[in-house]
Amino acid sequence: MILWFTIAQIALAVIVGVVCIGLGLAGRRPGDVSVGGMALLQLVLIAQVIVAIVAPFVGNSPTGSGLEFWTYLVTAAVLPIAGIIWAFIDRGRWSVVVMGVLALAVAVMTYREWVIWTVQVA
């Protein structure tokens, strides 16, 4: 993993999460801002998958469990898609809140991926 890219992912996920939760609690239905934010987060996660595939070949190997890392990454990559699908199924304000919670979950999972990749000492 790349530190600046990880920080950018976490920052984007937190911003999207807070904005979506704010919009949902304000009564807004899914729209360009909420769904677009989740789509942007999805694109960044796809880029992270590509980085995770290429990184070991250029000398940046994970120090922790590869299985655990990939489980977190694949799960995090599925969450924005699930949130967008949920927003199209349930067009209410709570689907926007759900997307916000999912985005915050992606932020936490991305941090955990960074820990698995870099700071395993055992």
PDB file of N, CA and C in Angstrom:
ATOM      1  N   MET A   1       0.842  -1.185   0.000  1.00  0.00           N
ATOM      2  CA  MET A   1       0.000   0.000   0.000  1.00  0.00           C
ATOM      3  C   MET A   1       0.881   1.241   0.000  1.00  0.00           C
ATOM      4  N   ILE A   2       0.325   2.308  -0.466  1.00  0.00           N
ATOM      5  CA  ILE A   2       1.030   3.579  -0.565  1.00  0.00           C
ATOM      6  C   ILE A   2       0.419   4.521   0.475  1.00  0.00           C
ATOM      7  N   LEU A   3       1.283   5.107   1.307  1.00  0.00           N
ATOM      8  CA  LEU A   3       0.796   5.903   2.434  1.00  0.00           C
ATOM      9  C   LEU A   3      -0.106   7.054   1.991  1.00  0.00           C
ATOM     10  N   TRP A   4       0.340   7.876   1.046  1.00  0.00           N
ATOM     11  CA  TRP A   4      -0.467   9.037   0.655  1.00  0.00           C
ATOM     12  C   TRP A   4      -1.793   8.608   0.048  1.00  0.00           C
ATOM     13  N   PHE A   5      -1.792   7.487  -0.670  1.00  0.00           N
ATOM     14  CA  PHE A   5      -3.030   7.007  -1.281  1.00  0.00           C
ATOM     15  C   PHE A   5      -3.981   6.475  -0.208  1.00  0.00           C
ATOM     16  N   THR A   6      -3.419   5.823   0.800  1.00  0.00           N
ATOM     17  CA  THR A   6      -4.230   5.334   1.914  1.00  0.00           C
ATOM     18  C   THR A   6      -4.860   6.500   2.675  1.00  0.00           C
ATOM     19  N   ILE A   7      -4.075   7.533   2.938  1.00  0.00           N
ATOM     20  CA  ILE A   7      -4.607   8.710   3.630  1.00  0.00           C
ATOM     21  C   ILE A   7      -5.705   9.365   2.799  1.00  0.00           C
ATOM     22  N   ALA A   8      -5.493   9.454   1.494  1.00  0.00           N
ATOM     23  CA  ALA A   8      -6.511  10.040   0.612  1.00  0.00           C
ATOM     24  C   ALA A   8      -7.791   9.211   0.624  1.00  0.00           C
ATOM     25  N   GLN A   9      -7.654   7.883   0.624  1.00  0.00           N
ATOM     26  CA  GLN A   9      -8.836   7.005   0.674  1.00  0.00           C
ATOM     27  C   GLN A   9      -9.613   7.212   1.963  1.00  0.00           C
ATOM     28  N   ILE A  10      -8.892   7.227   3.072  1.00  0.00           N
ATOM     29  CA  ILE A  10      -9.554   7.388   4.366  1.00  0.00           C
ATOM     30  C   ILE A  10     -10.235   8.755   4.447  1.00  0.00           C
ATOM     31  N   ALA A  11      -9.547   9.799   3.997  1.00  0.00           N
ATOM     32  CA  ALA A  11     -10.138  11.146   4.019  1.00  0.00           C
ATOM     33  C   ALA A  11     -11.389  11.205   3.150  1.00  0.00           C
ATOM     34  N   LEU A  12     -11.318  10.646   1.951  1.00  0.00           N
ATOM     35  CA  LEU A  12     -12.479  10.639   1.062  1.00  0.00           C
ATOM     36  C   LEU A  12     -13.637   9.870   1.687  1.00  0.00           C
ATOM     37  N   ALA A  13     -13.345   8.703   2.265  1.00  0.00           N
ATOM     38  CA  ALA A  13     -14.405   7.895   2.868  1.00  0.00           C
ATOM     39  C   ALA A  13     -15.060   8.627   4.037  1.00  0.00           C
ATOM     40  N   VAL A  14     -14.267   9.302   4.856  1.00  0.00           N
ATOM     41  CA  VAL A  14     -14.827  10.047   5.991  1.00  0.00           C
ATOM     42  C   VAL A  14     -15.671  11.221   5.494  1.00  0.00           C
ATOM     43  N   ILE A  15     -15.179  11.943   4.495  1.00  0.00           N
ATOM     44  CA  ILE A  15     -15.948  13.074   3.953  1.00  0.00           C
ATOM     45  C   ILE A  15     -17.269  12.597   3.365  1.00  0.00           C
ATOM     46  N   VAL A  16     -17.212  11.545   2.551  1.00  0.00           N
ATOM     47  CA  VAL A  16     -18.441  11.007   1.952  1.00  0.00           C
ATOM     48  C   VAL A  16     -19.383  10.515   3.048  1.00  0.00           C
ATOM     49  N   GLY A  17     -18.840   9.840   4.054  1.00  0.00           N
ATOM     50  CA  GLY A  17     -19.671   9.334   5.137  1.00  0.00           C
ATOM     51  C   GLY A  17     -20.372  10.431   5.908  1.00  0.00           C
ATOM     52  N   VAL A  18     -19.636  11.457   6.286  1.00  0.00           N
ATOM     53  CA  VAL A  18     -20.219  12.562   7.054  1.00  0.00           C
ATOM     54  C   VAL A  18     -21.252  13.318   6.215  1.00  0.00           C
ATOM     55  N   VAL A  19     -20.930  13.566   4.944  1.00  0.00           N
ATOM     56  CA  VAL A  19     -21.873  14.276   4.070  1.00  0.00           C
ATOM     57  C   VAL A  19     -23.148  13.460   3.891  1.00  0.00           C
ATOM     58  N   CYS A  20     -23.014  12.164   3.637  1.00  0.00           N
ATOM     59  CA  CYS A  20     -24.204  11.326   3.439  1.00  0.00           C
ATOM     60  C   CYS A  20     -25.053  11.248   4.703  1.00  0.00           C
ATOM     61  N   ILE A  21     -24.419  11.082   5.842  1.00  0.00           N
ATOM     62  CA  ILE A  21     -25.190  11.036   7.085  1.00  0.00           C
ATOM     63  C   ILE A  21     -25.889  12.375   7.317  1.00  0.00           C
ATOM     64  N   GLY A  22     -25.183  13.466   7.074  1.00  0.00           N
ATOM     65  CA  GLY A  22     -25.799  14.787   7.222  1.00  0.00           C
ATOM     66  C   GLY A  22     -26.975  14.991   6.280  1.00  0.00           C
ATOM     67  N   LEU A  23     -26.795  14.599   5.015  1.00  0.00           N
ATOM     68  CA  LEU A  23     -27.887  14.733   4.050  1.00  0.00           C
ATOM     69  C   LEU A  23     -29.079  13.861   4.438  1.00  0.00           C
ATOM     70  N   GLY A  24     -28.794  12.643   4.865  1.00  0.00           N
ATOM     71  CA  GLY A  24     -29.876  11.732   5.240  1.00  0.00           C
ATOM     72  C   GLY A  24     -30.648  12.224   6.447  1.00  0.00           C
ATOM     73  N   LEU A  25     -29.940  12.699   7.456  1.00  0.00           N
ATOM     74  CA  LEU A  25     -30.619  13.200   8.650  1.00  0.00           C
ATOM     75  C   LEU A  25     -31.357  14.506   8.370  1.00  0.00           C
ATOM     76  N   ALA A  26     -30.939  15.219   7.331  1.00  0.00           N
ATOM     77  CA  ALA A  26     -31.649  16.439   6.926  1.00  0.00           C
ATOM     78  C   ALA A  26     -32.869  16.128   6.064  1.00  0.00           C
ATOM     79  N   GLY A  27     -33.088  14.860   5.766  1.00  0.00           N
ATOM     80  CA  GLY A  27     -34.274  14.465   5.012  1.00  0.00           C
ATOM     81  C   GLY A  27     -34.086  14.376   3.512  1.00  0.00           C
ATOM     82  N   ARG A  28     -32.863  14.471   3.040  1.00  0.00           N
ATOM     83  CA  ARG A  28     -32.614  14.407   1.600  1.00  0.00           C
ATOM     84  C   ARG A  28     -32.644  12.961   1.116  1.00  0.00           C
ATOM     85  N   ARG A  29     -33.180  12.782  -0.051  1.00  0.00           N
ATOM     86  CA  ARG A  29     -33.204  11.457  -0.678  1.00  0.00           C
ATOM     87  C   ARG A  29     -31.917  11.253  -1.475  1.00  0.00           C
ATOM     88  N   PRO A  30     -31.642  10.022  -1.903  1.00  0.00           N
ATOM     89  CA  PRO A  30     -30.421   9.784  -2.686  1.00  0.00           C
ATOM     90  C   PRO A  30     -30.382  10.675  -3.924  1.00  0.00           C
ATOM     91  N   GLY A  31     -29.250  11.282  -4.152  1.00  0.00           N
ATOM     92  CA  GLY A  31     -29.100  12.177  -5.294  1.00  0.00           C
ATOM     93  C   GLY A  31     -27.683  12.138  -5.829  1.00  0.00           C
ATOM     94  N   ASP A  32     -27.368  13.123  -6.641  1.00  0.00           N
ATOM     95  CA  ASP A  32     -26.052  13.163  -7.272  1.00  0.00           C
ATOM     96  C   ASP A  32     -24.916  13.248  -6.257  1.00  0.00           C
ATOM     97  N   VAL A  33     -25.106  14.015  -5.211  1.00  0.00           N
ATOM     98  CA  VAL A  33     -24.034  14.190  -4.234  1.00  0.00           C
ATOM     99  C   VAL A  33     -23.782  12.894  -3.473  1.00  0.00           C
ATOM    100  N   SER A  34     -24.831  12.279  -2.951  1.00  0.00           N
ATOM    101  CA  SER A  34     -24.647  11.075  -2.139  1.00  0.00           C
ATOM    102  C   SER A  34     -24.226   9.874  -2.981  1.00  0.00           C
ATOM    103  N   VAL A  35     -24.935   9.620  -4.051  1.00  0.00           N
ATOM    104  CA  VAL A  35     -24.598   8.468  -4.899  1.00  0.00           C
ATOM    105  C   VAL A  35     -23.283   8.726  -5.633  1.00  0.00           C
ATOM    106  N   GLY A  36     -23.062   9.959  -6.069  1.00  0.00           N
ATOM    107  CA  GLY A  36     -21.807  10.296  -6.737  1.00  0.00           C
ATOM    108  C   GLY A  36     -20.604  10.152  -5.823  1.00  0.00           C
ATOM    109  N   GLY A  37     -20.766  10.543  -4.569  1.00  0.00           N
ATOM    110  CA  GLY A  37     -19.689  10.365  -3.597  1.00  0.00           C
ATOM    111  C   GLY A  37     -19.349   8.903  -3.391  1.00  0.00           C
ATOM    112  N   MET A  38     -20.377   8.077  -3.298  1.00  0.00           N
ATOM    113  CA  MET A  38     -20.132   6.639  -3.150  1.00  0.00           C
ATOM    114  C   MET A  38     -19.491   6.059  -4.410  1.00  0.00           C
ATOM    115  N   ALA A  39     -19.894   6.543  -5.578  1.00  0.00           N
ATOM    116  CA  ALA A  39     -19.291   6.065  -6.825  1.00  0.00           C
ATOM    117  C   ALA A  39     -17.815   6.460  -6.895  1.00  0.00           C
ATOM    118  N   LEU A  40     -17.494   7.676  -6.464  1.00  0.00           N
ATOM    119  CA  LEU A  40     -16.099   8.105  -6.430  1.00  0.00           C
ATOM    120  C   LEU A  40     -15.295   7.248  -5.459  1.00  0.00           C
ATOM    121  N   LEU A  41     -15.880   6.949  -4.313  1.00  0.00           N
ATOM    122  CA  LEU A  41     -15.224   6.072  -3.346  1.00  0.00           C
ATOM    123  C   LEU A  41     -14.995   4.689  -3.949  1.00  0.00           C
ATOM    124  N   GLN A  42     -15.957   4.198  -4.713  1.00  0.00           N
ATOM    125  CA  GLN A  42     -15.807   2.903  -5.371  1.00  0.00           C
ATOM    126  C   GLN A  42     -14.644   2.923  -6.365  1.00  0.00           C
ATOM    127  N   LEU A  43     -14.515   3.991  -7.126  1.00  0.00           N
ATOM    128  CA  LEU A  43     -13.404   4.096  -8.082  1.00  0.00           C
ATOM    129  C   LEU A  43     -12.052   4.085  -7.374  1.00  0.00           C
ATOM    130  N   VAL A  44     -11.969   4.767  -6.245  1.00  0.00           N
ATOM    131  CA  VAL A  44     -10.723   4.781  -5.478  1.00  0.00           C
ATOM    132  C   VAL A  44     -10.414   3.383  -4.941  1.00  0.00           C
ATOM    133  N   LEU A  45     -11.434   2.655  -4.531  1.00  0.00           N
ATOM    134  CA  LEU A  45     -11.207   1.298  -4.034  1.00  0.00           C
ATOM    135  C   LEU A  45     -10.778   0.355  -5.154  1.00  0.00           C
ATOM    136  N   ILE A  46     -11.300   0.543  -6.349  1.00  0.00           N
ATOM    137  CA  ILE A  46     -10.841  -0.259  -7.487  1.00  0.00           C
ATOM    138  C   ILE A  46      -9.369   0.040  -7.764  1.00  0.00           C
ATOM    139  N   ALA A  47      -8.989   1.308  -7.671  1.00  0.00           N
ATOM    140  CA  ALA A  47      -7.578   1.665  -7.834  1.00  0.00           C
ATOM    141  C   ALA A  47      -6.726   1.009  -6.753  1.00  0.00           C
ATOM    142  N   GLN A  48      -7.252   0.916  -5.524  1.00  0.00           N
ATOM    143  CA  GLN A  48      -6.514   0.267  -4.442  1.00  0.00           C
ATOM    144  C   GLN A  48      -6.322  -1.218  -4.719  1.00  0.00           C
ATOM    145  N   VAL A  49      -7.313  -1.857  -5.298  1.00  0.00           N
ATOM    146  CA  VAL A  49      -7.165  -3.270  -5.670  1.00  0.00           C
ATOM    147  C   VAL A  49      -6.018  -3.415  -6.669  1.00  0.00           C
ATOM    148  N   ILE A  50      -5.953  -2.524  -7.642  1.00  0.00           N
ATOM    149  CA  ILE A  50      -4.876  -2.575  -8.633  1.00  0.00           C
ATOM    150  C   ILE A  50      -3.524  -2.342  -7.967  1.00  0.00           C
ATOM    151  N   VAL A  51      -3.450  -1.371  -7.066  1.00  0.00           N
ATOM    152  CA  VAL A  51      -2.205  -1.109  -6.335  1.00  0.00           C
ATOM    153  C   VAL A  51      -1.800  -2.331  -5.520  1.00  0.00           C
ATOM    154  N   ALA A  52      -2.757  -2.983  -4.880  1.00  0.00           N
ATOM    155  CA  ALA A  52      -2.451  -4.150  -4.053  1.00  0.00           C
ATOM    156  C   ALA A  52      -1.965  -5.329  -4.894  1.00  0.00           C
ATOM    157  N   ILE A  53      -2.403  -5.414  -6.130  1.00  0.00           N
ATOM    158  CA  ILE A  53      -1.921  -6.475  -7.018  1.00  0.00           C
ATOM    159  C   ILE A  53      -0.502  -6.170  -7.488  1.00  0.00           C
ATOM    160  N   VAL A  54      -0.229  -4.918  -7.834  1.00  0.00           N
ATOM    161  CA  VAL A  54       1.064  -4.535  -8.410  1.00  0.00           C
ATOM    162  C   VAL A  54       2.154  -4.385  -7.343  1.00  0.00           C
ATOM    163  N   ALA A  55       1.822  -3.889  -6.167  1.00  0.00           N
ATOM    164  CA  ALA A  55       2.808  -3.538  -5.143  1.00  0.00           C
ATOM    165  C   ALA A  55       3.790  -4.661  -4.802  1.00  0.00           C
ATOM    166  N   PRO A  56       3.361  -5.901  -4.591  1.00  0.00           N
ATOM    167  CA  PRO A  56       4.344  -6.938  -4.268  1.00  0.00           C
ATOM    168  C   PRO A  56       5.367  -7.186  -5.382  1.00  0.00           C
ATOM    169  N   PHE A  57       4.993  -6.934  -6.612  1.00  0.00           N
ATOM    170  CA  PHE A  57       5.907  -7.157  -7.732  1.00  0.00           C
ATOM    171  C   PHE A  57       6.978  -6.077  -7.848  1.00  0.00           C
ATOM    172  N   VAL A  58       6.779  -4.952  -7.182  1.00  0.00           N
ATOM    173  CA  VAL A  58       7.768  -3.875  -7.221  1.00  0.00           C
ATOM    174  C   VAL A  58       8.459  -3.695  -5.866  1.00  0.00           C
ATOM    175  N   GLY A  59       8.376  -4.705  -5.012  1.00  0.00           N
ATOM    176  CA  GLY A  59       9.113  -4.698  -3.756  1.00  0.00           C
ATOM    177  C   GLY A  59       8.375  -4.180  -2.543  1.00  0.00           C
ATOM    178  N   ASN A  60       7.086  -3.964  -2.632  1.00  0.00           N
ATOM    179  CA  ASN A  60       6.301  -3.473  -1.500  1.00  0.00           C
ATOM    180  C   ASN A  60       5.350  -4.578  -1.052  1.00  0.00           C
ATOM    181  N   SER A  61       5.914  -5.575  -0.386  1.00  0.00           N
ATOM    182  CA  SER A  61       5.118  -6.734   0.030  1.00  0.00           C
ATOM    183  C   SER A  61       4.471  -6.493   1.386  1.00  0.00           C
ATOM    184  N   PRO A  62       3.327  -7.126   1.634  1.00  0.00           N
ATOM    185  CA  PRO A  62       2.684  -6.980   2.944  1.00  0.00           C
ATOM    186  C   PRO A  62       3.474  -7.719   4.016  1.00  0.00           C
ATOM    187  N   THR A  63       3.421  -7.193   5.238  1.00  0.00           N
ATOM    188  CA  THR A  63       4.090  -7.865   6.346  1.00  0.00           C
ATOM    189  C   THR A  63       3.139  -8.771   7.111  1.00  0.00           C
ATOM    190  N   GLY A  64       1.854  -8.577   6.935  1.00  0.00           N
ATOM    191  CA  GLY A  64       0.857  -9.377   7.638  1.00  0.00           C
ATOM    192  C   GLY A  64       0.253 -10.441   6.743  1.00  0.00           C
ATOM    193  N   SER A  65      -0.848 -10.978   7.182  1.00  0.00           N
ATOM    194  CA  SER A  65      -1.540 -12.041   6.465  1.00  0.00           C
ATOM    195  C   SER A  65      -2.152 -11.518   5.167  1.00  0.00           C
ATOM    196  N   GLY A  66      -1.764 -12.138   4.067  1.00  0.00           N
ATOM    197  CA  GLY A  66      -2.334 -11.763   2.778  1.00  0.00           C
ATOM    198  C   GLY A  66      -3.817 -12.062   2.706  1.00  0.00           C
ATOM    199  N   LEU A  67      -4.223 -13.190   3.275  1.00  0.00           N
ATOM    200  CA  LEU A  67      -5.637 -13.558   3.271  1.00  0.00           C
ATOM    201  C   LEU A  67      -6.471 -12.533   4.032  1.00  0.00           C
ATOM    202  N   GLU A  68      -5.983 -12.130   5.192  1.00  0.00           N
ATOM    203  CA  GLU A  68      -6.715 -11.139   5.986  1.00  0.00           C
ATOM    204  C   GLU A  68      -6.794  -9.802   5.241  1.00  0.00           C
ATOM    205  N   PHE A  69      -5.683  -9.386   4.635  1.00  0.00           N
ATOM    206  CA  PHE A  69      -5.665  -8.136   3.880  1.00  0.00           C
ATOM    207  C   PHE A  69      -6.678  -8.176   2.745  1.00  0.00           C
ATOM    208  N   TRP A  70      -6.654  -9.240   1.948  1.00  0.00           N
ATOM    209  CA  TRP A  70      -7.550  -9.319   0.794  1.00  0.00           C
ATOM    210  C   TRP A  70      -9.008  -9.449   1.218  1.00  0.00           C
ATOM    211  N   THR A  71      -9.252 -10.083   2.357  1.00  0.00           N
ATOM    212  CA  THR A  71     -10.622 -10.164   2.862  1.00  0.00           C
ATOM    213  C   THR A  71     -11.150  -8.765   3.188  1.00  0.00           C
ATOM    214  N   TYR A  72     -10.334  -7.968   3.868  1.00  0.00           N
ATOM    215  CA  TYR A  72     -10.732  -6.589   4.163  1.00  0.00           C
ATOM    216  C   TYR A  72     -10.922  -5.786   2.884  1.00  0.00           C
ATOM    217  N   LEU A  73      -9.990  -5.917   1.938  1.00  0.00           N
ATOM    218  CA  LEU A  73     -10.044  -5.107   0.726  1.00  0.00           C
ATOM    219  C   LEU A  73     -11.254  -5.449  -0.135  1.00  0.00           C
ATOM    220  N   VAL A  74     -11.513  -6.731  -0.319  1.00  0.00           N
ATOM    221  CA  VAL A  74     -12.660  -7.134  -1.142  1.00  0.00           C
ATOM    222  C   VAL A  74     -13.966  -6.722  -0.469  1.00  0.00           C
ATOM    223  N   THR A  75     -14.046  -6.907   0.836  1.00  0.00           N
ATOM    224  CA  THR A  75     -15.256  -6.497   1.552  1.00  0.00           C
ATOM    225  C   THR A  75     -15.457  -4.986   1.450  1.00  0.00           C
ATOM    226  N   ALA A  76     -14.385  -4.218   1.635  1.00  0.00           N
ATOM    227  CA  ALA A  76     -14.492  -2.759   1.523  1.00  0.00           C
ATOM    228  C   ALA A  76     -14.889  -2.345   0.113  1.00  0.00           C
ATOM    229  N   ALA A  77     -14.411  -3.080  -0.890  1.00  0.00           N
ATOM    230  CA  ALA A  77     -14.743  -2.743  -2.278  1.00  0.00           C
ATOM    231  C   ALA A  77     -16.194  -3.068  -2.624  1.00  0.00           C
ATOM    232  N   VAL A  78     -16.804  -3.969  -1.880  1.00  0.00           N
ATOM    233  CA  VAL A  78     -18.198  -4.340  -2.139  1.00  0.00           C
ATOM    234  C   VAL A  78     -19.174  -3.377  -1.449  1.00  0.00           C
ATOM    235  N   LEU A  79     -18.760  -2.769  -0.351  1.00  0.00           N
ATOM    236  CA  LEU A  79     -19.676  -1.931   0.432  1.00  0.00           C
ATOM    237  C   LEU A  79     -20.255  -0.743  -0.339  1.00  0.00           C
ATOM    238  N   PRO A  80     -19.460   0.043  -1.081  1.00  0.00           N
ATOM    239  CA  PRO A  80     -20.081   1.152  -1.822  1.00  0.00           C
ATOM    240  C   PRO A  80     -21.092   0.680  -2.868  1.00  0.00           C
ATOM    241  N   ILE A  81     -20.796  -0.427  -3.528  1.00  0.00           N
ATOM    242  CA  ILE A  81     -21.744  -0.976  -4.506  1.00  0.00           C
ATOM    243  C   ILE A  81     -23.042  -1.356  -3.806  1.00  0.00           C
ATOM    244  N   ALA A  82     -22.914  -2.009  -2.647  1.00  0.00           N
ATOM    245  CA  ALA A  82     -24.105  -2.401  -1.891  1.00  0.00           C
ATOM    246  C   ALA A  82     -24.905  -1.168  -1.463  1.00  0.00           C
ATOM    247  N   GLY A  83     -24.215  -0.116  -1.049  1.00  0.00           N
ATOM    248  CA  GLY A  83     -24.906   1.112  -0.656  1.00  0.00           C
ATOM    249  C   GLY A  83     -25.634   1.773  -1.810  1.00  0.00           C
ATOM    250  N   ILE A  84     -25.003   1.793  -2.976  1.00  0.00           N
ATOM    251  CA  ILE A  84     -25.646   2.390  -4.152  1.00  0.00           C
ATOM    252  C   ILE A  84     -26.866   1.577  -4.566  1.00  0.00           C
ATOM    253  N   ILE A  85     -26.730   0.260  -4.553  1.00  0.00           N
ATOM    254  CA  ILE A  85     -27.876  -0.598  -4.886  1.00  0.00           C
ATOM    255  C   ILE A  85     -29.008  -0.362  -3.891  1.00  0.00           C
ATOM    256  N   TRP A  86     -28.663  -0.282  -2.605  1.00  0.00           N
ATOM    257  CA  TRP A  86     -29.677  -0.031  -1.583  1.00  0.00           C
ATOM    258  C   TRP A  86     -30.361   1.316  -1.815  1.00  0.00           C
ATOM    259  N   ALA A  87     -29.597   2.330  -2.236  1.00  0.00           N
ATOM    260  CA  ALA A  87     -30.179   3.652  -2.489  1.00  0.00           C
ATOM    261  C   ALA A  87     -31.158   3.617  -3.653  1.00  0.00           C
ATOM    262  N   PHE A  88     -30.915   2.764  -4.634  1.00  0.00           N
ATOM    263  CA  PHE A  88     -31.847   2.666  -5.757  1.00  0.00           C
ATOM    264  C   PHE A  88     -33.081   1.832  -5.403  1.00  0.00           C
ATOM    265  N   ILE A  89     -32.932   0.906  -4.468  1.00  0.00           N
ATOM    266  CA  ILE A  89     -34.077   0.098  -4.034  1.00  0.00           C
ATOM    267  C   ILE A  89     -34.961   0.897  -3.080  1.00  0.00           C
ATOM    268  N   ASP A  90     -34.348   1.510  -2.074  1.00  0.00           N
ATOM    269  CA  ASP A  90     -35.077   2.298  -1.079  1.00  0.00           C
ATOM    270  C   ASP A  90     -34.730   3.768  -1.296  1.00  0.00           C
ATOM    271  N   ARG A  91     -35.617   4.509  -1.910  1.00  0.00           N
ATOM    272  CA  ARG A  91     -35.346   5.897  -2.266  1.00  0.00           C
ATOM    273  C   ARG A  91     -35.613   6.860  -1.107  1.00  0.00           C
ATOM    274  N   GLY A  92     -35.649   6.363   0.110  1.00  0.00           N
ATOM    275  CA  GLY A  92     -35.908   7.218   1.264  1.00  0.00           C
ATOM    276  C   GLY A  92     -34.640   7.827   1.825  1.00  0.00           C
ATOM    277  N   ARG A  93     -34.837   8.681   2.837  1.00  0.00           N
ATOM    278  CA  ARG A  93     -33.695   9.373   3.428  1.00  0.00           C
ATOM    279  C   ARG A  93     -32.775   8.431   4.191  1.00  0.00           C
ATOM    280  N   TRP A  94     -33.323   7.328   4.696  1.00  0.00           N
ATOM    281  CA  TRP A  94     -32.493   6.427   5.490  1.00  0.00           C
ATOM    282  C   TRP A  94     -31.492   5.669   4.638  1.00  0.00           C
ATOM    283  N   SER A  95     -31.766   5.526   3.354  1.00  0.00           N
ATOM    284  CA  SER A  95     -30.775   4.876   2.493  1.00  0.00           C
ATOM    285  C   SER A  95     -29.529   5.752   2.361  1.00  0.00           C
ATOM    286  N   VAL A  96     -29.693   7.063   2.447  1.00  0.00           N
ATOM    287  CA  VAL A  96     -28.539   7.965   2.401  1.00  0.00           C
ATOM    288  C   VAL A  96     -27.722   7.827   3.688  1.00  0.00           C
ATOM    289  N   VAL A  97     -28.411   7.671   4.812  1.00  0.00           N
ATOM    290  CA  VAL A  97     -27.713   7.441   6.078  1.00  0.00           C
ATOM    291  C   VAL A  97     -26.960   6.114   6.024  1.00  0.00           C
ATOM    292  N   VAL A  98     -27.580   5.092   5.455  1.00  0.00           N
ATOM    293  CA  VAL A  98     -26.915   3.791   5.312  1.00  0.00           C
ATOM    294  C   VAL A  98     -25.654   3.937   4.468  1.00  0.00           C
ATOM    295  N   MET A  99     -25.731   4.691   3.372  1.00  0.00           N
ATOM    296  CA  MET A  99     -24.537   4.912   2.551  1.00  0.00           C
ATOM    297  C   MET A  99     -23.445   5.615   3.357  1.00  0.00           C
ATOM    298  N   GLY A 100     -23.829   6.553   4.202  1.00  0.00           N
ATOM    299  CA  GLY A 100     -22.853   7.238   5.037  1.00  0.00           C
ATOM    300  C   GLY A 100     -22.172   6.307   6.016  1.00  0.00           C
ATOM    301  N   VAL A 101     -22.945   5.443   6.641  1.00  0.00           N
ATOM    302  CA  VAL A 101     -22.370   4.477   7.580  1.00  0.00           C
ATOM    303  C   VAL A 101     -21.440   3.516   6.841  1.00  0.00           C
ATOM    304  N   LEU A 102     -21.833   3.094   5.648  1.00  0.00           N
ATOM    305  CA  LEU A 102     -20.973   2.212   4.858  1.00  0.00           C
ATOM    306  C   LEU A 102     -19.671   2.907   4.477  1.00  0.00           C
ATOM    307  N   ALA A 103     -19.736   4.180   4.139  1.00  0.00           N
ATOM    308  CA  ALA A 103     -18.519   4.922   3.800  1.00  0.00           C
ATOM    309  C   ALA A 103     -17.593   5.024   5.008  1.00  0.00           C
ATOM    310  N   LEU A 104     -18.153   5.256   6.190  1.00  0.00           N
ATOM    311  CA  LEU A 104     -17.324   5.293   7.397  1.00  0.00           C
ATOM    312  C   LEU A 104     -16.726   3.921   7.694  1.00  0.00           C
ATOM    313  N   ALA A 105     -17.478   2.859   7.412  1.00  0.00           N
ATOM    314  CA  ALA A 105     -16.940   1.508   7.573  1.00  0.00           C
ATOM    315  C   ALA A 105     -15.767   1.279   6.623  1.00  0.00           C
ATOM    316  N   VAL A 106     -15.863   1.801   5.413  1.00  0.00           N
ATOM    317  CA  VAL A 106     -14.756   1.690   4.453  1.00  0.00           C
ATOM    318  C   VAL A 106     -13.517   2.403   4.998  1.00  0.00           C
ATOM    319  N   ALA A 107     -13.696   3.551   5.630  1.00  0.00           N
ATOM    320  CA  ALA A 107     -12.559   4.277   6.209  1.00  0.00           C
ATOM    321  C   ALA A 107     -11.858   3.431   7.266  1.00  0.00           C
ATOM    322  N   VAL A 108     -12.628   2.811   8.146  1.00  0.00           N
ATOM    323  CA  VAL A 108     -12.053   1.972   9.198  1.00  0.00           C
ATOM    324  C   VAL A 108     -11.366   0.754   8.587  1.00  0.00           C
ATOM    325  N   MET A 109     -11.990   0.140   7.603  1.00  0.00           N
ATOM    326  CA  MET A 109     -11.406  -1.045   6.976  1.00  0.00           C
ATOM    327  C   MET A 109     -10.130  -0.697   6.210  1.00  0.00           C
ATOM    328  N   THR A 110     -10.087   0.466   5.595  1.00  0.00           N
ATOM    329  CA  THR A 110      -8.876   0.886   4.884  1.00  0.00           C
ATOM    330  C   THR A 110      -7.729   1.106   5.862  1.00  0.00           C
ATOM    331  N   TYR A 111      -8.017   1.685   7.020  1.00  0.00           N
ATOM    332  CA  TYR A 111      -6.978   1.829   8.041  1.00  0.00           C
ATOM    333  C   TYR A 111      -6.476   0.458   8.491  1.00  0.00           C
ATOM    334  N   ARG A 112      -7.388  -0.471   8.678  1.00  0.00           N
ATOM    335  CA  ARG A 112      -6.985  -1.823   9.090  1.00  0.00           C
ATOM    336  C   ARG A 112      -6.133  -2.487   8.004  1.00  0.00           C
ATOM    337  N   GLU A 113      -6.470  -2.269   6.748  1.00  0.00           N
ATOM    338  CA  GLU A 113      -5.649  -2.804   5.658  1.00  0.00           C
ATOM    339  C   GLU A 113      -4.230  -2.257   5.748  1.00  0.00           C
ATOM    340  N   TRP A 114      -4.110  -0.965   6.030  1.00  0.00           N
ATOM    341  CA  TRP A 114      -2.790  -0.350   6.159  1.00  0.00           C
ATOM    342  C   TRP A 114      -2.003  -1.002   7.291  1.00  0.00           C
ATOM    343  N   VAL A 115      -2.661  -1.255   8.420  1.00  0.00           N
ATOM    344  CA  VAL A 115      -1.999  -1.892   9.558  1.00  0.00           C
ATOM    345  C   VAL A 115      -1.541  -3.297   9.179  1.00  0.00           C
ATOM    346  N   ILE A 116      -2.390  -4.053   8.520  1.00  0.00           N
ATOM    347  CA  ILE A 116      -2.018  -5.409   8.105  1.00  0.00           C
ATOM    348  C   ILE A 116      -0.836  -5.354   7.139  1.00  0.00           C
ATOM    349  N   TRP A 117      -0.838  -4.394   6.239  1.00  0.00           N
ATOM    350  CA  TRP A 117       0.205  -4.314   5.211  1.00  0.00           C
ATOM    351  C   TRP A 117       1.554  -3.905   5.794  1.00  0.00           C
ATOM    352  N   THR A 118       1.553  -3.031   6.821  1.00  0.00           N
ATOM    353  CA  THR A 118       2.812  -2.385   7.213  1.00  0.00           C
ATOM    354  C   THR A 118       3.351  -2.717   8.594  1.00  0.00           C
ATOM    355  N   VAL A 119       2.547  -2.908   9.599  1.00  0.00           N
ATOM    356  CA  VAL A 119       3.082  -2.915  10.967  1.00  0.00           C
ATOM    357  C   VAL A 119       2.948  -4.245  11.693  1.00  0.00           C
ATOM    358  N   GLN A 120       2.975  -5.335  10.991  1.00  0.00           N
ATOM    359  CA  GLN A 120       2.946  -6.635  11.660  1.00  0.00           C
ATOM    360  C   GLN A 120       4.348  -6.966  12.160  1.00  0.00           C
ATOM    361  N   VAL A 121       4.474  -7.276  13.432  1.00  0.00           N
ATOM    362  CA  VAL A 121       5.791  -7.573  13.996  1.00  0.00           C
ATOM    363  C   VAL A 121       5.924  -9.023  14.426  1.00  0.00           C
ATOM    364  N   ALA A 122       4.852  -9.754  14.474  1.00  0.00           N
ATOM    365  CA  ALA A 122       4.910 -11.141  14.943  1.00  0.00           C
ATOM    366  C   ALA A 122       5.329 -12.080  13.833  1.00  0.00           C
TER     367      ALA A 122
END
